[in-house]
Amino acid sequence: MTISRAFIKASVPHGRVILWTTLAAILLAPAFAMQMTEAVRWGGEDFLAAALLLGGTGLGIEAAARMPRSPLGRLFAGCGVVAVCAILWAQAAVGIV
């Protein structure tokens, strides 16, 4: 039994794979950095917080890509989601607010 390309393309859009793979790579970057240097010291709670933030960002980007009808609306909604993620990440890291 073979799975056709049309079925794979219809079931998992290419953009979703790129989105979630990128977010997973961002989450794994500190784990690799911890193996290379002593300057990066994350605990389980740090990885949990980052996973929740990145997962929420991924869900927000998916919602932003589906809900607005116009391409410009999708762009602005996606930029807003990424901006909120960046602000929350910076706040958690160094306390900017």
PDB file of N, CA and C in Angstrom:
ATOM      1  N   MET A   1       0.844  -1.173   0.000  1.00  0.00           N
ATOM      2  CA  MET A   1       0.000   0.000   0.000  1.00  0.00           C
ATOM      3  C   MET A   1       0.887   1.234   0.000  1.00  0.00           C
ATOM      4  N   THR A   2       0.685   2.109  -0.945  1.00  0.00           N
ATOM      5  CA  THR A   2       1.461   3.335  -1.030  1.00  0.00           C
ATOM      6  C   THR A   2       0.566   4.528  -0.748  1.00  0.00           C
ATOM      7  N   ILE A   3       1.184   5.545  -0.216  1.00  0.00           N
ATOM      8  CA  ILE A   3       0.466   6.783   0.072  1.00  0.00           C
ATOM      9  C   ILE A   3       0.801   7.763  -1.042  1.00  0.00           C
ATOM     10  N   SER A   4      -0.205   8.297  -1.658  1.00  0.00           N
ATOM     11  CA  SER A   4       0.035   9.204  -2.777  1.00  0.00           C
ATOM     12  C   SER A   4       0.527  10.563  -2.274  1.00  0.00           C
ATOM     13  N   ARG A   5       1.229  11.261  -3.157  1.00  0.00           N
ATOM     14  CA  ARG A   5       1.722  12.589  -2.813  1.00  0.00           C
ATOM     15  C   ARG A   5       0.582  13.562  -2.549  1.00  0.00           C
ATOM     16  N   ALA A   6      -0.494  13.407  -3.273  1.00  0.00           N
ATOM     17  CA  ALA A   6      -1.648  14.302  -3.092  1.00  0.00           C
ATOM     18  C   ALA A   6      -2.227  14.155  -1.694  1.00  0.00           C
ATOM     19  N   PHE A   7      -2.273  12.920  -1.183  1.00  0.00           N
ATOM     20  CA  PHE A   7      -2.791  12.690   0.152  1.00  0.00           C
ATOM     21  C   PHE A   7      -1.891  13.344   1.194  1.00  0.00           C
ATOM     22  N   ILE A   8      -0.582  13.186   1.041  1.00  0.00           N
ATOM     23  CA  ILE A   8       0.352  13.776   1.997  1.00  0.00           C
ATOM     24  C   ILE A   8       0.266  15.295   1.953  1.00  0.00           C
ATOM     25  N   LYS A   9       0.210  15.859   0.747  1.00  0.00           N
ATOM     26  CA  LYS A   9       0.129  17.305   0.609  1.00  0.00           C
ATOM     27  C   LYS A   9      -1.167  17.850   1.191  1.00  0.00           C
ATOM     28  N   ALA A  10      -2.252  17.123   1.030  1.00  0.00           N
ATOM     29  CA  ALA A  10      -3.543  17.574   1.547  1.00  0.00           C
ATOM     30  C   ALA A  10      -3.633  17.412   3.056  1.00  0.00           C
ATOM     31  N   SER A  11      -2.968  16.391   3.615  1.00  0.00           N
ATOM     32  CA  SER A  11      -3.122  16.132   5.036  1.00  0.00           C
ATOM     33  C   SER A  11      -2.204  16.993   5.901  1.00  0.00           C
ATOM     34  N   VAL A  12      -1.014  17.310   5.430  1.00  0.00           N
ATOM     35  CA  VAL A  12      -0.081  18.131   6.195  1.00  0.00           C
ATOM     36  C   VAL A  12       0.498  19.204   5.272  1.00  0.00           C
ATOM     37  N   PRO A  13      -0.005  20.423   5.357  1.00  0.00           N
ATOM     38  CA  PRO A  13       0.536  21.491   4.529  1.00  0.00           C
ATOM     39  C   PRO A  13       2.020  21.733   4.827  1.00  0.00           C
ATOM     40  N   HIS A  14       2.752  22.067   3.794  1.00  0.00           N
ATOM     41  CA  HIS A  14       4.199  22.236   3.901  1.00  0.00           C
ATOM     42  C   HIS A  14       4.579  23.307   4.924  1.00  0.00           C
ATOM     43  N   GLY A  15       3.826  24.389   4.981  1.00  0.00           N
ATOM     44  CA  GLY A  15       4.127  25.467   5.913  1.00  0.00           C
ATOM     45  C   GLY A  15       4.042  25.044   7.374  1.00  0.00           C
ATOM     46  N   ARG A  16       3.123  24.165   7.678  1.00  0.00           N
ATOM     47  CA  ARG A  16       2.991  23.684   9.059  1.00  0.00           C
ATOM     48  C   ARG A  16       4.214  22.887   9.477  1.00  0.00           C
ATOM     49  N   VAL A  17       4.728  22.067   8.571  1.00  0.00           N
ATOM     50  CA  VAL A  17       5.922  21.277   8.882  1.00  0.00           C
ATOM     51  C   VAL A  17       7.103  22.202   9.148  1.00  0.00           C
ATOM     52  N   ILE A  18       7.258  23.215   8.311  1.00  0.00           N
ATOM     53  CA  ILE A  18       8.351  24.171   8.498  1.00  0.00           C
ATOM     54  C   ILE A  18       8.186  24.917   9.820  1.00  0.00           C
ATOM     55  N   LEU A  19       6.975  25.356  10.125  1.00  0.00           N
ATOM     56  CA  LEU A  19       6.714  26.092  11.362  1.00  0.00           C
ATOM     57  C   LEU A  19       7.088  25.275  12.585  1.00  0.00           C
ATOM     58  N   TRP A  20       6.546  24.074  12.698  1.00  0.00           N
ATOM     59  CA  TRP A  20       6.774  23.271  13.895  1.00  0.00           C
ATOM     60  C   TRP A  20       8.203  22.745  13.989  1.00  0.00           C
ATOM     61  N   THR A  21       8.848  22.501  12.860  1.00  0.00           N
ATOM     62  CA  THR A  21      10.253  22.088  12.879  1.00  0.00           C
ATOM     63  C   THR A  21      11.133  23.238  13.350  1.00  0.00           C
ATOM     64  N   THR A  22      10.837  24.448  12.898  1.00  0.00           N
ATOM     65  CA  THR A  22      11.598  25.616  13.335  1.00  0.00           C
ATOM     66  C   THR A  22      11.434  25.855  14.827  1.00  0.00           C
ATOM     67  N   LEU A  23      10.215  25.740  15.323  1.00  0.00           N
ATOM     68  CA  LEU A  23       9.984  25.943  16.756  1.00  0.00           C
ATOM     69  C   LEU A  23      10.683  24.869  17.587  1.00  0.00           C
ATOM     70  N   ALA A  24      10.691  23.634  17.110  1.00  0.00           N
ATOM     71  CA  ALA A  24      11.403  22.565  17.820  1.00  0.00           C
ATOM     72  C   ALA A  24      12.907  22.825  17.819  1.00  0.00           C
ATOM     73  N   ALA A  25      13.443  23.319  16.707  1.00  0.00           N
ATOM     74  CA  ALA A  25      14.869  23.631  16.647  1.00  0.00           C
ATOM     75  C   ALA A  25      15.229  24.751  17.612  1.00  0.00           C
ATOM     76  N   ILE A  26      14.359  25.750  17.722  1.00  0.00           N
ATOM     77  CA  ILE A  26      14.600  26.836  18.684  1.00  0.00           C
ATOM     78  C   ILE A  26      14.606  26.282  20.100  1.00  0.00           C
ATOM     79  N   LEU A  27      13.716  25.358  20.387  1.00  0.00           N
ATOM     80  CA  LEU A  27      13.656  24.765  21.722  1.00  0.00           C
ATOM     81  C   LEU A  27      14.877  23.888  22.010  1.00  0.00           C
ATOM     82  N   LEU A  28      15.419  23.231  20.997  1.00  0.00           N
ATOM     83  CA  LEU A  28      16.574  22.359  21.195  1.00  0.00           C
ATOM     84  C   LEU A  28      17.900  23.117  21.241  1.00  0.00           C
ATOM     85  N   ALA A  29      17.943  24.341  20.754  1.00  0.00           N
ATOM     86  CA  ALA A  29      19.186  25.107  20.727  1.00  0.00           C
ATOM     87  C   ALA A  29      19.836  25.241  22.108  1.00  0.00           C
ATOM     88  N   PRO A  30      19.105  25.570  23.174  1.00  0.00           N
ATOM     89  CA  PRO A  30      19.753  25.640  24.489  1.00  0.00           C
ATOM     90  C   PRO A  30      20.281  24.285  24.979  1.00  0.00           C
ATOM     91  N   ALA A  31      19.605  23.207  24.609  1.00  0.00           N
ATOM     92  CA  ALA A  31      20.082  21.884  25.017  1.00  0.00           C
ATOM     93  C   ALA A  31      21.443  21.587  24.388  1.00  0.00           C
ATOM     94  N   PHE A  32      21.594  21.939  23.113  1.00  0.00           N
ATOM     95  CA  PHE A  32      22.894  21.760  22.463  1.00  0.00           C
ATOM     96  C   PHE A  32      23.931  22.705  23.047  1.00  0.00           C
ATOM     97  N   ALA A  33      23.536  23.946  23.340  1.00  0.00           N
ATOM     98  CA  ALA A  33      24.468  24.926  23.900  1.00  0.00           C
ATOM     99  C   ALA A  33      24.952  24.492  25.279  1.00  0.00           C
ATOM    100  N   MET A  34      24.089  23.843  26.037  1.00  0.00           N
ATOM    101  CA  MET A  34      24.495  23.364  27.365  1.00  0.00           C
ATOM    102  C   MET A  34      25.594  22.312  27.268  1.00  0.00           C
ATOM    103  N   GLN A  35      25.636  21.575  26.161  1.00  0.00           N
ATOM    104  CA  GLN A  35      26.675  20.564  25.971  1.00  0.00           C
ATOM    105  C   GLN A  35      28.011  21.201  25.591  1.00  0.00           C
ATOM    106  N   MET A  36      27.977  22.402  25.054  1.00  0.00           N
ATOM    107  CA  MET A  36      29.184  23.044  24.542  1.00  0.00           C
ATOM    108  C   MET A  36      29.840  24.011  25.527  1.00  0.00           C
ATOM    109  N   THR A  37      29.037  24.632  26.388  1.00  0.00           N
ATOM    110  CA  THR A  37      29.587  25.668  27.263  1.00  0.00           C
ATOM    111  C   THR A  37      28.910  25.623  28.630  1.00  0.00           C
ATOM    112  N   GLU A  38      29.603  26.163  29.599  1.00  0.00           N
ATOM    113  CA  GLU A  38      29.060  26.255  30.955  1.00  0.00           C
ATOM    114  C   GLU A  38      28.185  27.492  31.134  1.00  0.00           C
ATOM    115  N   ALA A  39      28.195  28.398  30.177  1.00  0.00           N
ATOM    116  CA  ALA A  39      27.456  29.654  30.297  1.00  0.00           C
ATOM    117  C   ALA A  39      25.950  29.454  30.204  1.00  0.00           C
ATOM    118  N   VAL A  40      25.521  28.389  29.567  1.00  0.00           N
ATOM    119  CA  VAL A  40      24.089  28.113  29.416  1.00  0.00           C
ATOM    120  C   VAL A  40      23.707  27.043  30.427  1.00  0.00           C
ATOM    121  N   ARG A  41      22.836  27.409  31.349  1.00  0.00           N
ATOM    122  CA  ARG A  41      22.382  26.463  32.373  1.00  0.00           C
ATOM    123  C   ARG A  41      20.868  26.534  32.494  1.00  0.00           C
ATOM    124  N   TRP A  42      20.183  25.699  31.746  1.00  0.00           N
ATOM    125  CA  TRP A  42      18.731  25.632  31.814  1.00  0.00           C
ATOM    126  C   TRP A  42      18.323  24.422  32.616  1.00  0.00           C
ATOM    127  N   GLY A  43      17.277  24.585  33.415  1.00  0.00           N
ATOM    128  CA  GLY A  43      16.690  23.471  34.130  1.00  0.00           C
ATOM    129  C   GLY A  43      15.420  23.006  33.429  1.00  0.00           C
ATOM    130  N   GLY A  44      14.783  22.026  34.005  1.00  0.00           N
ATOM    131  CA  GLY A  44      13.549  21.502  33.439  1.00  0.00           C
ATOM    132  C   GLY A  44      12.457  22.548  33.330  1.00  0.00           C
ATOM    133  N   GLU A  45      12.379  23.430  34.326  1.00  0.00           N
ATOM    134  CA  GLU A  45      11.349  24.460  34.302  1.00  0.00           C
ATOM    135  C   GLU A  45      11.596  25.481  33.184  1.00  0.00           C
ATOM    136  N   ASP A  46      12.852  25.728  32.858  1.00  0.00           N
ATOM    137  CA  ASP A  46      13.156  26.632  31.743  1.00  0.00           C
ATOM    138  C   ASP A  46      12.696  26.037  30.414  1.00  0.00           C
ATOM    139  N   PHE A  47      12.969  24.746  30.230  1.00  0.00           N
ATOM    140  CA  PHE A  47      12.528  24.094  28.999  1.00  0.00           C
ATOM    141  C   PHE A  47      11.005  24.011  28.930  1.00  0.00           C
ATOM    142  N   LEU A  48      10.364  23.798  30.058  1.00  0.00           N
ATOM    143  CA  LEU A  48       8.903  23.763  30.088  1.00  0.00           C
ATOM    144  C   LEU A  48       8.319  25.125  29.719  1.00  0.00           C
ATOM    145  N   ALA A  49       8.872  26.193  30.298  1.00  0.00           N
ATOM    146  CA  ALA A  49       8.385  27.535  29.983  1.00  0.00           C
ATOM    147  C   ALA A  49       8.600  27.861  28.507  1.00  0.00           C
ATOM    148  N   ALA A  50       9.758  27.510  27.972  1.00  0.00           N
ATOM    149  CA  ALA A  50      10.037  27.776  26.561  1.00  0.00           C
ATOM    150  C   ALA A  50       9.113  26.953  25.668  1.00  0.00           C
ATOM    151  N   ALA A  51       8.867  25.697  26.039  1.00  0.00           N
ATOM    152  CA  ALA A  51       7.979  24.844  25.238  1.00  0.00           C
ATOM    153  C   ALA A  51       6.559  25.400  25.237  1.00  0.00           C
ATOM    154  N   LEU A  52       6.077  25.874  26.379  1.00  0.00           N
ATOM    155  CA  LEU A  52       4.733  26.461  26.436  1.00  0.00           C
ATOM    156  C   LEU A  52       4.662  27.741  25.610  1.00  0.00           C
ATOM    157  N   LEU A  53       5.688  28.578  25.708  1.00  0.00           N
ATOM    158  CA  LEU A  53       5.701  29.820  24.950  1.00  0.00           C
ATOM    159  C   LEU A  53       5.775  29.553  23.450  1.00  0.00           C
ATOM    160  N   LEU A  54       6.660  28.657  23.040  1.00  0.00           N
ATOM    161  CA  LEU A  54       6.798  28.355  21.612  1.00  0.00           C
ATOM    162  C   LEU A  54       5.578  27.610  21.077  1.00  0.00           C
ATOM    163  N   GLY A  55       5.012  26.718  21.883  1.00  0.00           N
ATOM    164  CA  GLY A  55       3.796  26.026  21.455  1.00  0.00           C
ATOM    165  C   GLY A  55       2.631  26.980  21.284  1.00  0.00           C
ATOM    166  N   GLY A  56       2.484  27.910  22.226  1.00  0.00           N
ATOM    167  CA  GLY A  56       1.440  28.923  22.101  1.00  0.00           C
ATOM    168  C   GLY A  56       1.663  29.816  20.898  1.00  0.00           C
ATOM    169  N   THR A  57       2.918  30.122  20.622  1.00  0.00           N
ATOM    170  CA  THR A  57       3.240  30.926  19.453  1.00  0.00           C
ATOM    171  C   THR A  57       2.893  30.177  18.171  1.00  0.00           C
ATOM    172  N   GLY A  58       3.218  28.889  18.123  1.00  0.00           N
ATOM    173  CA  GLY A  58       2.882  28.088  16.954  1.00  0.00           C
ATOM    174  C   GLY A  58       1.384  28.026  16.717  1.00  0.00           C
ATOM    175  N   LEU A  59       0.637  27.825  17.785  1.00  0.00           N
ATOM    176  CA  LEU A  59      -0.824  27.802  17.647  1.00  0.00           C
ATOM    177  C   LEU A  59      -1.364  29.165  17.226  1.00  0.00           C
ATOM    178  N   GLY A  60      -0.759  30.230  17.763  1.00  0.00           N
ATOM    179  CA  GLY A  60      -1.175  31.576  17.375  1.00  0.00           C
ATOM    180  C   GLY A  60      -0.881  31.871  15.918  1.00  0.00           C
ATOM    181  N   ILE A  61       0.270  31.416  15.431  1.00  0.00           N
ATOM    182  CA  ILE A  61       0.610  31.626  14.024  1.00  0.00           C
ATOM    183  C   ILE A  61      -0.349  30.841  13.132  1.00  0.00           C
ATOM    184  N   GLU A  62      -0.669  29.609  13.531  1.00  0.00           N
ATOM    185  CA  GLU A  62      -1.626  28.831  12.741  1.00  0.00           C
ATOM    186  C   GLU A  62      -2.993  29.506  12.714  1.00  0.00           C
ATOM    187  N   ALA A  63      -3.434  30.037  13.843  1.00  0.00           N
ATOM    188  CA  ALA A  63      -4.719  30.745  13.874  1.00  0.00           C
ATOM    189  C   ALA A  63      -4.653  32.015  13.037  1.00  0.00           C
ATOM    190  N   ALA A  64      -3.530  32.721  13.101  1.00  0.00           N
ATOM    191  CA  ALA A  64      -3.374  33.943  12.316  1.00  0.00           C
ATOM    192  C   ALA A  64      -3.358  33.645  10.821  1.00  0.00           C
ATOM    193  N   ALA A  65      -2.895  32.474  10.448  1.00  0.00           N
ATOM    194  CA  ALA A  65      -2.853  32.113   9.037  1.00  0.00           C
ATOM    195  C   ALA A  65      -4.219  31.676   8.511  1.00  0.00           C
ATOM    196  N   ARG A  66      -5.122  31.288   9.394  1.00  0.00           N
ATOM    197  CA  ARG A  66      -6.414  30.764   8.957  1.00  0.00           C
ATOM    198  C   ARG A  66      -7.567  31.739   9.131  1.00  0.00           C
ATOM    199  N   MET A  67      -7.563  32.556  10.154  1.00  0.00           N
ATOM    200  CA  MET A  67      -8.737  33.366  10.469  1.00  0.00           C
ATOM    201  C   MET A  67      -8.930  34.594   9.583  1.00  0.00           C
ATOM    202  N   PRO A  68      -7.948  35.475   9.449  1.00  0.00           N
ATOM    203  CA  PRO A  68      -8.203  36.661   8.607  1.00  0.00           C
ATOM    204  C   PRO A  68      -8.399  36.271   7.142  1.00  0.00           C
ATOM    205  N   ARG A  69      -9.280  36.992   6.471  1.00  0.00           N
ATOM    206  CA  ARG A  69      -9.568  36.662   5.075  1.00  0.00           C
ATOM    207  C   ARG A  69      -8.566  37.286   4.106  1.00  0.00           C
ATOM    208  N   SER A  70      -8.019  38.427   4.453  1.00  0.00           N
ATOM    209  CA  SER A  70      -7.108  39.090   3.519  1.00  0.00           C
ATOM    210  C   SER A  70      -5.652  38.702   3.826  1.00  0.00           C
ATOM    211  N   PRO A  71      -4.800  38.663   2.826  1.00  0.00           N
ATOM    212  CA  PRO A  71      -3.385  38.358   3.058  1.00  0.00           C
ATOM    213  C   PRO A  71      -2.709  39.383   3.969  1.00  0.00           C
ATOM    214  N   LEU A  72      -3.100  40.649   3.833  1.00  0.00           N
ATOM    215  CA  LEU A  72      -2.517  41.676   4.693  1.00  0.00           C
ATOM    216  C   LEU A  72      -2.936  41.464   6.152  1.00  0.00           C
ATOM    217  N   GLY A  73      -4.171  41.060   6.369  1.00  0.00           N
ATOM    218  CA  GLY A  73      -4.635  40.749   7.720  1.00  0.00           C
ATOM    219  C   GLY A  73      -3.876  39.578   8.320  1.00  0.00           C
ATOM    220  N   ARG A  74      -3.604  38.561   7.499  1.00  0.00           N
ATOM    221  CA  ARG A  74      -2.818  37.415   7.964  1.00  0.00           C
ATOM    222  C   ARG A  74      -1.406  37.846   8.355  1.00  0.00           C
ATOM    223  N   LEU A  75      -0.816  38.706   7.527  1.00  0.00           N
ATOM    224  CA  LEU A  75       0.530  39.192   7.802  1.00  0.00           C
ATOM    225  C   LEU A  75       0.577  39.955   9.119  1.00  0.00           C
ATOM    226  N   PHE A  76      -0.354  40.883   9.311  1.00  0.00           N
ATOM    227  CA  PHE A  76      -0.376  41.665  10.552  1.00  0.00           C
ATOM    228  C   PHE A  76      -0.655  40.792  11.771  1.00  0.00           C
ATOM    229  N   ALA A  77      -1.559  39.842  11.654  1.00  0.00           N
ATOM    230  CA  ALA A  77      -1.857  38.957  12.775  1.00  0.00           C
ATOM    231  C   ALA A  77      -0.644  38.096  13.117  1.00  0.00           C
ATOM    232  N   GLY A  78       0.029  37.573  12.098  1.00  0.00           N
ATOM    233  CA  GLY A  78       1.229  36.770  12.340  1.00  0.00           C
ATOM    234  C   GLY A  78       2.345  37.579  12.976  1.00  0.00           C
ATOM    235  N   CYS A  79       2.542  38.812  12.493  1.00  0.00           N
ATOM    236  CA  CYS A  79       3.559  39.682  13.089  1.00  0.00           C
ATOM    237  C   CYS A  79       3.214  40.018  14.540  1.00  0.00           C
ATOM    238  N   GLY A  80       1.937  40.197  14.819  1.00  0.00           N
ATOM    239  CA  GLY A  80       1.523  40.454  16.196  1.00  0.00           C
ATOM    240  C   GLY A  80       1.812  39.292  17.113  1.00  0.00           C
ATOM    241  N   VAL A  81       1.556  38.080  16.644  1.00  0.00           N
ATOM    242  CA  VAL A  81       1.829  36.879  17.446  1.00  0.00           C
ATOM    243  C   VAL A  81       3.326  36.762  17.725  1.00  0.00           C
ATOM    244  N   VAL A  82       4.146  36.966  16.698  1.00  0.00           N
ATOM    245  CA  VAL A  82       5.602  36.876  16.869  1.00  0.00           C
ATOM    246  C   VAL A  82       6.101  37.985  17.796  1.00  0.00           C
ATOM    247  N   ALA A  83       5.536  39.183  17.698  1.00  0.00           N
ATOM    248  CA  ALA A  83       5.941  40.285  18.575  1.00  0.00           C
ATOM    249  C   ALA A  83       5.609  39.986  20.031  1.00  0.00           C
ATOM    250  N   VAL A  84       4.438  39.441  20.283  1.00  0.00           N
ATOM    251  CA  VAL A  84       4.063  39.077  21.655  1.00  0.00           C
ATOM    252  C   VAL A  84       5.003  38.009  22.194  1.00  0.00           C
ATOM    253  N   CYS A  85       5.346  37.028  21.371  1.00  0.00           N
ATOM    254  CA  CYS A  85       6.285  35.985  21.788  1.00  0.00           C
ATOM    255  C   CYS A  85       7.642  36.586  22.139  1.00  0.00           C
ATOM    256  N   ALA A  86       8.144  37.493  21.297  1.00  0.00           N
ATOM    257  CA  ALA A  86       9.448  38.106  21.550  1.00  0.00           C
ATOM    258  C   ALA A  86       9.446  38.924  22.838  1.00  0.00           C
ATOM    259  N   ILE A  87       8.371  39.658  23.075  1.00  0.00           N
ATOM    260  CA  ILE A  87       8.287  40.464  24.293  1.00  0.00           C
ATOM    261  C   ILE A  87       8.225  39.565  25.531  1.00  0.00           C
ATOM    262  N   LEU A  88       7.417  38.506  25.469  1.00  0.00           N
ATOM    263  CA  LEU A  88       7.332  37.594  26.615  1.00  0.00           C
ATOM    264  C   LEU A  88       8.658  36.891  26.873  1.00  0.00           C
ATOM    265  N   TRP A  89       9.345  36.482  25.789  1.00  0.00           N
ATOM    266  CA  TRP A  89      10.635  35.803  25.936  1.00  0.00           C
ATOM    267  C   TRP A  89      11.660  36.759  26.573  1.00  0.00           C
ATOM    268  N   ALA A  90      11.701  37.995  26.095  1.00  0.00           N
ATOM    269  CA  ALA A  90      12.641  38.980  26.649  1.00  0.00           C
ATOM    270  C   ALA A  90      12.306  39.287  28.108  1.00  0.00           C
ATOM    271  N   GLN A  91      11.040  39.387  28.418  1.00  0.00           N
ATOM    272  CA  GLN A  91      10.628  39.631  29.798  1.00  0.00           C
ATOM    273  C   GLN A  91      11.046  38.481  30.711  1.00  0.00           C
ATOM    274  N   ALA A  92      10.865  37.280  30.243  1.00  0.00           N
ATOM    275  CA  ALA A  92      11.260  36.128  31.058  1.00  0.00           C
ATOM    276  C   ALA A  92      12.770  36.029  31.201  1.00  0.00           C
ATOM    277  N   ALA A  93      13.504  36.446  30.174  1.00  0.00           N
ATOM    278  CA  ALA A  93      14.958  36.317  30.204  1.00  0.00           C
ATOM    279  C   ALA A  93      15.619  37.393  31.072  1.00  0.00           C
ATOM    280  N   VAL A  94      15.253  38.653  30.834  1.00  0.00           N
ATOM    281  CA  VAL A  94      15.974  39.736  31.530  1.00  0.00           C
ATOM    282  C   VAL A  94      15.068  40.738  32.224  1.00  0.00           C
ATOM    283  N   GLY A  95      13.767  40.636  32.057  1.00  0.00           N
ATOM    284  CA  GLY A  95      12.860  41.561  32.724  1.00  0.00           C
ATOM    285  C   GLY A  95      12.883  42.952  32.127  1.00  0.00           C
ATOM    286  N   ILE A  96      12.412  43.109  30.898  1.00  0.00           N
ATOM    287  CA  ILE A  96      12.466  44.403  30.224  1.00  0.00           C
ATOM    288  C   ILE A  96      11.360  45.350  30.637  1.00  0.00           C
ATOM    289  N   VAL A  97      10.267  44.825  31.169  1.00  0.00           N
ATOM    290  CA  VAL A  97       9.135  45.690  31.530  1.00  0.00           C
ATOM    291  C   VAL A  97       9.140  45.931  33.023  1.00  0.00           C
TER     292      VAL A  97
END
